[in-house]
């Protein structure tokens, strides 16, 4: 026996129905902050010399964490195994 139910509702209505929290204010705050930071650093991104100087300033642990983040991202995107 097969039963199909079509429910026509908005994502907000579905979240409320399942008791999930409304994260729109948090999402807006994060997007606004990222936009502000991107605007502040726009001249840095446009100037390769300044960009690489900023990247070179990341030393030791910071650079290692950045590498680990990139490796994890690439591994997740390709479906590869996680590194330990």
PDB file of N, CA and C in Angstrom:
ATOM      1  N   UNK A   1       0.845  -1.165   0.000  1.00  0.00           N
ATOM      2  CA  UNK A   1       0.000   0.000   0.000  1.00  0.00           C
ATOM      3  C   UNK A   1       0.894   1.232   0.000  1.00  0.00           C
ATOM      4  N   UNK A   2       0.574   2.198  -0.825  1.00  0.00           N
ATOM      5  CA  UNK A   2       1.335   3.427  -0.924  1.00  0.00           C
ATOM      6  C   UNK A   2       0.406   4.593  -0.621  1.00  0.00           C
ATOM      7  N   UNK A   3       0.867   5.484   0.235  1.00  0.00           N
ATOM      8  CA  UNK A   3       0.087   6.647   0.627  1.00  0.00           C
ATOM      9  C   UNK A   3       0.939   7.881   0.383  1.00  0.00           C
ATOM     10  N   UNK A   4       0.401   8.842  -0.333  1.00  0.00           N
ATOM     11  CA  UNK A   4       1.115  10.076  -0.627  1.00  0.00           C
ATOM     12  C   UNK A   4       0.339  11.250  -0.053  1.00  0.00           C
ATOM     13  N   UNK A   5       1.054  12.090   0.684  1.00  0.00           N
ATOM     14  CA  UNK A   5       0.437  13.282   1.257  1.00  0.00           C
ATOM     15  C   UNK A   5       1.226  14.490   0.793  1.00  0.00           C
ATOM     16  N   UNK A   6       0.554  15.435   0.185  1.00  0.00           N
ATOM     17  CA  UNK A   6       1.181  16.687  -0.242  1.00  0.00           C
ATOM     18  C   UNK A   6       0.793  17.778   0.734  1.00  0.00           C
ATOM     19  N   UNK A   7       1.806  18.450   1.290  1.00  0.00           N
ATOM     20  CA  UNK A   7       1.557  19.538   2.226  1.00  0.00           C
ATOM     21  C   UNK A   7       2.089  20.819   1.605  1.00  0.00           C
ATOM     22  N   UNK A   8       1.212  21.803   1.514  1.00  0.00           N
ATOM     23  CA  UNK A   8       1.591  23.088   0.945  1.00  0.00           C
ATOM     24  C   UNK A   8       1.785  24.086   2.079  1.00  0.00           C
ATOM     25  N   UNK A   9       3.062  24.370   2.398  1.00  0.00           N
ATOM     26  CA  UNK A   9       3.354  25.336   3.459  1.00  0.00           C
ATOM     27  C   UNK A   9       4.700  26.000   3.183  1.00  0.00           C
ATOM     28  N   UNK A  10       4.893  27.102   3.855  1.00  0.00           N
ATOM     29  CA  UNK A  10       6.158  27.813   3.702  1.00  0.00           C
ATOM     30  C   UNK A  10       7.201  27.183   4.625  1.00  0.00           C
ATOM     31  N   UNK A  11       8.475  27.448   4.399  1.00  0.00           N
ATOM     32  CA  UNK A  11       9.498  26.931   5.312  1.00  0.00           C
ATOM     33  C   UNK A  11       9.275  27.407   6.756  1.00  0.00           C
ATOM     34  N   UNK A  12       8.821  28.648   6.919  1.00  0.00           N
ATOM     35  CA  UNK A  12       8.555  29.175   8.256  1.00  0.00           C
ATOM     36  C   UNK A  12       7.450  28.375   8.939  1.00  0.00           C
ATOM     37  N   UNK A  13       6.389  28.060   8.193  1.00  0.00           N
ATOM     38  CA  UNK A  13       5.286  27.273   8.751  1.00  0.00           C
ATOM     39  C   UNK A  13       5.749  25.861   9.117  1.00  0.00           C
ATOM     40  N   UNK A  14       6.586  25.276   8.291  1.00  0.00           N
ATOM     41  CA  UNK A  14       7.091  23.927   8.572  1.00  0.00           C
ATOM     42  C   UNK A  14       7.954  23.931   9.831  1.00  0.00           C
ATOM     43  N   UNK A  15       8.833  24.945   9.974  1.00  0.00           N
ATOM     44  CA  UNK A  15       9.667  25.041  11.181  1.00  0.00           C
ATOM     45  C   UNK A  15       8.807  25.188  12.433  1.00  0.00           C
ATOM     46  N   UNK A  16       7.790  26.027  12.351  1.00  0.00           N
ATOM     47  CA  UNK A  16       6.907  26.233  13.506  1.00  0.00           C
ATOM     48  C   UNK A  16       6.154  24.949  13.837  1.00  0.00           C
ATOM     49  N   UNK A  17       5.699  24.243  12.819  1.00  0.00           N
ATOM     50  CA  UNK A  17       4.951  22.999  13.038  1.00  0.00           C
ATOM     51  C   UNK A  17       5.810  21.950  13.758  1.00  0.00           C
ATOM     52  N   UNK A  18       7.081  21.838  13.349  1.00  0.00           N
ATOM     53  CA  UNK A  18       7.971  20.846  13.954  1.00  0.00           C
ATOM     54  C   UNK A  18       8.658  21.363  15.218  1.00  0.00           C
ATOM     55  N   UNK A  19       8.357  22.604  15.623  1.00  0.00           N
ATOM     56  CA  UNK A  19       8.912  23.148  16.855  1.00  0.00           C
ATOM     57  C   UNK A  19      10.361  23.573  16.750  1.00  0.00           C
ATOM     58  N   UNK A  20      10.823  23.828  15.542  1.00  0.00           N
ATOM     59  CA  UNK A  20      12.210  24.258  15.356  1.00  0.00           C
ATOM     60  C   UNK A  20      12.309  25.759  15.594  1.00  0.00           C
ATOM     61  N   UNK A  21      13.454  26.240  16.071  1.00  0.00           N
ATOM     62  CA  UNK A  21      13.587  27.677  16.381  1.00  0.00           C
ATOM     63  C   UNK A  21      13.672  28.532  15.119  1.00  0.00           C
ATOM     64  N   UNK A  22      13.267  29.773  15.272  1.00  0.00           N
ATOM     65  CA  UNK A  22      13.371  30.739  14.187  1.00  0.00           C
ATOM     66  C   UNK A  22      14.782  31.323  14.226  1.00  0.00           C
ATOM     67  N   UNK A  23      15.593  31.005  13.235  1.00  0.00           N
ATOM     68  CA  UNK A  23      16.988  31.455  13.214  1.00  0.00           C
ATOM     69  C   UNK A  23      17.204  32.634  12.278  1.00  0.00           C
ATOM     70  N   UNK A  24      16.134  33.213  11.768  1.00  0.00           N
ATOM     71  CA  UNK A  24      16.282  34.342  10.840  1.00  0.00           C
ATOM     72  C   UNK A  24      17.044  35.519  11.453  1.00  0.00           C
ATOM     73  N   UNK A  25      16.746  35.937  12.710  1.00  0.00           N
ATOM     74  CA  UNK A  25      17.515  37.060  13.274  1.00  0.00           C
ATOM     75  C   UNK A  25      19.012  36.747  13.384  1.00  0.00           C
ATOM     76  N   UNK A  26      19.351  35.535  13.786  1.00  0.00           N
ATOM     77  CA  UNK A  26      20.750  35.136  13.887  1.00  0.00           C
ATOM     78  C   UNK A  26      21.404  35.119  12.516  1.00  0.00           C
ATOM     79  N   UNK A  27      20.713  34.575  11.538  1.00  0.00           N
ATOM     80  CA  UNK A  27      21.231  34.528  10.176  1.00  0.00           C
ATOM     81  C   UNK A  27      21.466  35.936   9.637  1.00  0.00           C
ATOM     82  N   UNK A  28      20.522  36.837   9.884  1.00  0.00           N
ATOM     83  CA  UNK A  28      20.665  38.220   9.415  1.00  0.00           C
ATOM     84  C   UNK A  28      21.869  38.880  10.072  1.00  0.00           C
ATOM     85  N   UNK A  29      22.057  38.647  11.379  1.00  0.00           N
ATOM     86  CA  UNK A  29      23.184  39.234  12.097  1.00  0.00           C
ATOM     87  C   UNK A  29      24.512  38.742  11.503  1.00  0.00           C
ATOM     88  N   UNK A  30      24.599  37.442  11.223  1.00  0.00           N
ATOM     89  CA  UNK A  30      25.833  36.871  10.674  1.00  0.00           C
ATOM     90  C   UNK A  30      26.107  37.418   9.279  1.00  0.00           C
ATOM     91  N   UNK A  31      25.086  37.471   8.441  1.00  0.00           N
ATOM     92  CA  UNK A  31      25.264  37.990   7.078  1.00  0.00           C
ATOM     93  C   UNK A  31      25.663  39.461   7.107  1.00  0.00           C
ATOM     94  N   UNK A  32      25.031  40.243   7.984  1.00  0.00           N
ATOM     95  CA  UNK A  32      25.386  41.663   8.096  1.00  0.00           C
ATOM     96  C   UNK A  32      26.839  41.836   8.531  1.00  0.00           C
ATOM     97  N   UNK A  33      27.280  41.023   9.502  1.00  0.00           N
ATOM     98  CA  UNK A  33      28.662  41.110   9.984  1.00  0.00           C
ATOM     99  C   UNK A  33      29.652  40.704   8.894  1.00  0.00           C
ATOM    100  N   UNK A  34      29.338  39.651   8.155  1.00  0.00           N
ATOM    101  CA  UNK A  34      30.218  39.209   7.066  1.00  0.00           C
ATOM    102  C   UNK A  34      30.287  40.275   5.974  1.00  0.00           C
ATOM    103  N   UNK A  35      29.165  40.899   5.680  1.00  0.00           N
ATOM    104  CA  UNK A  35      29.134  41.966   4.676  1.00  0.00           C
ATOM    105  C   UNK A  35      29.989  43.146   5.129  1.00  0.00           C
ATOM    106  N   UNK A  36      29.862  43.520   6.409  1.00  0.00           N
ATOM    107  CA  UNK A  36      30.650  44.628   6.945  1.00  0.00           C
ATOM    108  C   UNK A  36      32.139  44.331   6.843  1.00  0.00           C
ATOM    109  N   UNK A  37      32.525  43.124   7.244  1.00  0.00           N
ATOM    110  CA  UNK A  37      33.944  42.752   7.195  1.00  0.00           C
ATOM    111  C   UNK A  37      34.460  42.700   5.761  1.00  0.00           C
ATOM    112  N   UNK A  38      33.643  42.194   4.849  1.00  0.00           N
ATOM    113  CA  UNK A  38      34.063  42.127   3.442  1.00  0.00           C
ATOM    114  C   UNK A  38      34.277  43.527   2.886  1.00  0.00           C
ATOM    115  N   UNK A  39      33.389  44.459   3.231  1.00  0.00           N
ATOM    116  CA  UNK A  39      33.541  45.837   2.757  1.00  0.00           C
ATOM    117  C   UNK A  39      34.791  46.478   3.331  1.00  0.00           C
ATOM    118  N   UNK A  40      35.084  46.190   4.616  1.00  0.00           N
ATOM    119  CA  UNK A  40      36.287  46.744   5.243  1.00  0.00           C
ATOM    120  C   UNK A  40      37.558  46.223   4.586  1.00  0.00           C
ATOM    121  N   UNK A  41      37.540  44.969   4.141  1.00  0.00           N
ATOM    122  CA  UNK A  41      38.738  44.341   3.584  1.00  0.00           C
ATOM    123  C   UNK A  41      38.746  44.311   2.067  1.00  0.00           C
ATOM    124  N   UNK A  42      37.845  45.025   1.438  1.00  0.00           N
ATOM    125  CA  UNK A  42      37.759  45.006  -0.019  1.00  0.00           C
ATOM    126  C   UNK A  42      39.050  45.482  -0.664  1.00  0.00           C
ATOM    127  N   UNK A  43      39.652  46.538  -0.131  1.00  0.00           N
ATOM    128  CA  UNK A  43      40.897  47.035  -0.717  1.00  0.00           C
ATOM    129  C   UNK A  43      42.039  46.043  -0.523  1.00  0.00           C
ATOM    130  N   UNK A  44      42.006  45.268   0.565  1.00  0.00           N
ATOM    131  CA  UNK A  44      43.032  44.256   0.793  1.00  0.00           C
ATOM    132  C   UNK A  44      42.922  43.146  -0.245  1.00  0.00           C
ATOM    133  N   UNK A  45      41.706  42.742  -0.552  1.00  0.00           N
ATOM    134  CA  UNK A  45      41.506  41.665  -1.523  1.00  0.00           C
ATOM    135  C   UNK A  45      41.865  42.108  -2.930  1.00  0.00           C
ATOM    136  N   UNK A  46      41.698  43.388  -3.224  1.00  0.00           N
ATOM    137  CA  UNK A  46      42.000  43.904  -4.556  1.00  0.00           C
ATOM    138  C   UNK A  46      43.501  44.102  -4.768  1.00  0.00           C
ATOM    139  N   UNK A  47      44.259  44.179  -3.684  1.00  0.00           N
ATOM    140  CA  UNK A  47      45.703  44.404  -3.765  1.00  0.00           C
ATOM    141  C   UNK A  47      46.435  43.111  -3.390  1.00  0.00           C
ATOM    142  N   UNK A  48      46.942  42.366  -4.390  1.00  0.00           N
ATOM    143  CA  UNK A  48      47.572  41.079  -4.104  1.00  0.00           C
ATOM    144  C   UNK A  48      48.736  41.175  -3.120  1.00  0.00           C
ATOM    145  N   UNK A  49      49.519  42.246  -3.205  1.00  0.00           N
ATOM    146  CA  UNK A  49      50.662  42.398  -2.300  1.00  0.00           C
ATOM    147  C   UNK A  49      50.199  42.465  -0.846  1.00  0.00           C
ATOM    148  N   UNK A  50      49.181  43.246  -0.614  1.00  0.00           N
ATOM    149  CA  UNK A  50      48.637  43.403   0.743  1.00  0.00           C
ATOM    150  C   UNK A  50      47.978  42.105   1.218  1.00  0.00           C
ATOM    151  N   UNK A  51      47.279  41.426   0.303  1.00  0.00           N
ATOM    152  CA  UNK A  51      46.611  40.171   0.646  1.00  0.00           C
ATOM    153  C   UNK A  51      47.628  39.125   1.089  1.00  0.00           C
ATOM    154  N   UNK A  52      48.698  38.956   0.323  1.00  0.00           N
ATOM    155  CA  UNK A  52      49.702  37.944   0.666  1.00  0.00           C
ATOM    156  C   UNK A  52      50.495  38.341   1.906  1.00  0.00           C
ATOM    157  N   UNK A  53      50.670  39.642   2.133  1.00  0.00           N
ATOM    158  CA  UNK A  53      51.337  40.085   3.357  1.00  0.00           C
ATOM    159  C   UNK A  53      50.493  39.702   4.565  1.00  0.00           C
ATOM    160  N   UNK A  54      49.182  39.842   4.434  1.00  0.00           N
ATOM    161  CA  UNK A  54      48.276  39.456   5.515  1.00  0.00           C
ATOM    162  C   UNK A  54      48.295  37.941   5.717  1.00  0.00           C
ATOM    163  N   UNK A  55      48.345  37.192   4.625  1.00  0.00           N
ATOM    164  CA  UNK A  55      48.393  35.738   4.721  1.00  0.00           C
ATOM    165  C   UNK A  55      49.719  35.292   5.353  1.00  0.00           C
ATOM    166  N   UNK A  56      50.807  35.959   5.002  1.00  0.00           N
ATOM    167  CA  UNK A  56      52.120  35.598   5.548  1.00  0.00           C
ATOM    168  C   UNK A  56      52.187  35.899   7.042  1.00  0.00           C
ATOM    169  N   UNK A  57      51.388  36.857   7.493  1.00  0.00           N
ATOM    170  CA  UNK A  57      51.386  37.216   8.912  1.00  0.00           C
ATOM    171  C   UNK A  57      50.820  36.088   9.767  1.00  0.00           C
ATOM    172  N   UNK A  58      50.030  35.221   9.155  1.00  0.00           N
ATOM    173  CA  UNK A  58      49.506  34.076   9.901  1.00  0.00           C
ATOM    174  C   UNK A  58      50.669  33.107  10.107  1.00  0.00           C
ATOM    175  N   UNK A  59      51.080  32.957  11.322  1.00  0.00           N
ATOM    176  CA  UNK A  59      52.235  32.107  11.560  1.00  0.00           C
ATOM    177  C   UNK A  59      51.852  30.853  12.320  1.00  0.00           C
ATOM    178  N   UNK A  60      52.688  29.854  12.200  1.00  0.00           N
ATOM    179  CA  UNK A  60      52.568  28.624  12.971  1.00  0.00           C
ATOM    180  C   UNK A  60      51.186  28.045  13.071  1.00  0.00           C
ATOM    181  N   UNK A  61      50.611  28.143  14.262  1.00  0.00           N
ATOM    182  CA  UNK A  61      49.334  27.502  14.570  1.00  0.00           C
ATOM    183  C   UNK A  61      48.205  28.005  13.674  1.00  0.00           C
ATOM    184  N   UNK A  62      48.148  29.320  13.444  1.00  0.00           N
ATOM    185  CA  UNK A  62      47.079  29.890  12.621  1.00  0.00           C
ATOM    186  C   UNK A  62      47.122  29.347  11.205  1.00  0.00           C
ATOM    187  N   UNK A  63      48.324  29.277  10.634  1.00  0.00           N
ATOM    188  CA  UNK A  63      48.460  28.778   9.276  1.00  0.00           C
ATOM    189  C   UNK A  63      48.138  27.286   9.221  1.00  0.00           C
ATOM    190  N   UNK A  64      48.558  26.555  10.247  1.00  0.00           N
ATOM    191  CA  UNK A  64      48.267  25.120  10.311  1.00  0.00           C
ATOM    192  C   UNK A  64      46.760  24.878  10.398  1.00  0.00           C
ATOM    193  N   UNK A  65      46.064  25.680  11.189  1.00  0.00           N
ATOM    194  CA  UNK A  65      44.610  25.552  11.299  1.00  0.00           C
ATOM    195  C   UNK A  65      43.947  25.873   9.965  1.00  0.00           C
ATOM    196  N   UNK A  66      44.466  26.889   9.258  1.00  0.00           N
ATOM    197  CA  UNK A  66      43.930  27.232   7.951  1.00  0.00           C
ATOM    198  C   UNK A  66      44.119  26.075   6.971  1.00  0.00           C
ATOM    199  N   UNK A  67      45.305  25.447   6.993  1.00  0.00           N
ATOM    200  CA  UNK A  67      45.566  24.302   6.126  1.00  0.00           C
ATOM    201  C   UNK A  67      44.623  23.138   6.456  1.00  0.00           C
ATOM    202  N   UNK A  68      44.434  22.881   7.754  1.00  0.00           N
ATOM    203  CA  UNK A  68      43.532  21.806   8.166  1.00  0.00           C
ATOM    204  C   UNK A  68      42.097  22.077   7.714  1.00  0.00           C
ATOM    205  N   UNK A  69      41.677  23.343   7.809  1.00  0.00           N
ATOM    206  CA  UNK A  69      40.343  23.716   7.359  1.00  0.00           C
ATOM    207  C   UNK A  69      40.193  23.457   5.866  1.00  0.00           C
ATOM    208  N   UNK A  70      41.185  23.883   5.089  1.00  0.00           N
ATOM    209  CA  UNK A  70      41.130  23.673   3.637  1.00  0.00           C
ATOM    210  C   UNK A  70      41.148  22.184   3.289  1.00  0.00           C
ATOM    211  N   UNK A  71      41.966  21.403   3.990  1.00  0.00           N
ATOM    212  CA  UNK A  71      42.042  19.967   3.736  1.00  0.00           C
ATOM    213  C   UNK A  71      40.711  19.298   4.067  1.00  0.00           C
ATOM    214  N   UNK A  72      40.114  19.693   5.177  1.00  0.00           N
ATOM    215  CA  UNK A  72      38.825  19.114   5.569  1.00  0.00           C
ATOM    216  C   UNK A  72      37.746  19.489   4.572  1.00  0.00           C
ATOM    217  N   UNK A  73      37.790  20.722   4.098  1.00  0.00           N
ATOM    218  CA  UNK A  73      36.805  21.179   3.122  1.00  0.00           C
ATOM    219  C   UNK A  73      36.956  20.407   1.814  1.00  0.00           C
ATOM    220  N   UNK A  74      38.175  20.269   1.358  1.00  0.00           N
ATOM    221  CA  UNK A  74      38.413  19.535   0.104  1.00  0.00           C
ATOM    222  C   UNK A  74      38.069  18.068   0.246  1.00  0.00           C
ATOM    223  N   UNK A  75      38.380  17.483   1.396  1.00  0.00           N
ATOM    224  CA  UNK A  75      38.054  16.074   1.620  1.00  0.00           C
ATOM    225  C   UNK A  75      36.555  15.844   1.676  1.00  0.00           C
ATOM    226  N   UNK A  76      35.835  16.783   2.298  1.00  0.00           N
ATOM    227  CA  UNK A  76      34.386  16.675   2.378  1.00  0.00           C
ATOM    228  C   UNK A  76      33.728  16.875   1.034  1.00  0.00           C
ATOM    229  N   UNK A  77      34.282  17.792   0.226  1.00  0.00           N
ATOM    230  CA  UNK A  77      33.705  18.073  -1.081  1.00  0.00           C
ATOM    231  C   UNK A  77      33.896  16.916  -2.043  1.00  0.00           C
ATOM    232  N   UNK A  78      35.021  16.195  -1.908  1.00  0.00           N
ATOM    233  CA  UNK A  78      35.299  15.108  -2.837  1.00  0.00           C
ATOM    234  C   UNK A  78      34.830  13.771  -2.297  1.00  0.00           C
ATOM    235  N   UNK A  79      34.340  13.776  -1.037  1.00  0.00           N
ATOM    236  CA  UNK A  79      33.885  12.519  -0.445  1.00  0.00           C
ATOM    237  C   UNK A  79      35.030  11.656   0.050  1.00  0.00           C
ATOM    238  N   UNK A  80      36.217  12.278   0.168  1.00  0.00           N
ATOM    239  CA  UNK A  80      37.390  11.530   0.610  1.00  0.00           C
ATOM    240  C   UNK A  80      37.364  11.217   2.086  1.00  0.00           C
ATOM    241  N   UNK A  81      38.281  10.428   2.513  1.00  0.00           N
ATOM    242  CA  UNK A  81      38.368  10.047   3.921  1.00  0.00           C
ATOM    243  C   UNK A  81      38.886  11.222   4.742  1.00  0.00           C
ATOM    244  N   UNK A  82      38.476  11.277   5.997  1.00  0.00           N
ATOM    245  CA  UNK A  82      38.938  12.323   6.891  1.00  0.00           C
ATOM    246  C   UNK A  82      40.343  12.003   7.368  1.00  0.00           C
ATOM    247  N   UNK A  83      41.145  13.088   7.508  1.00  0.00           N
ATOM    248  CA  UNK A  83      42.515  12.910   8.007  1.00  0.00           C
ATOM    249  C   UNK A  83      42.496  12.992   9.516  1.00  0.00           C
ATOM    250  N   UNK A  84      43.383  12.210  10.166  1.00  0.00           N
ATOM    251  CA  UNK A  84      43.483  12.268  11.622  1.00  0.00           C
ATOM    252  C   UNK A  84      44.666  13.079  12.033  1.00  0.00           C
TER     253      UNK A  84
END
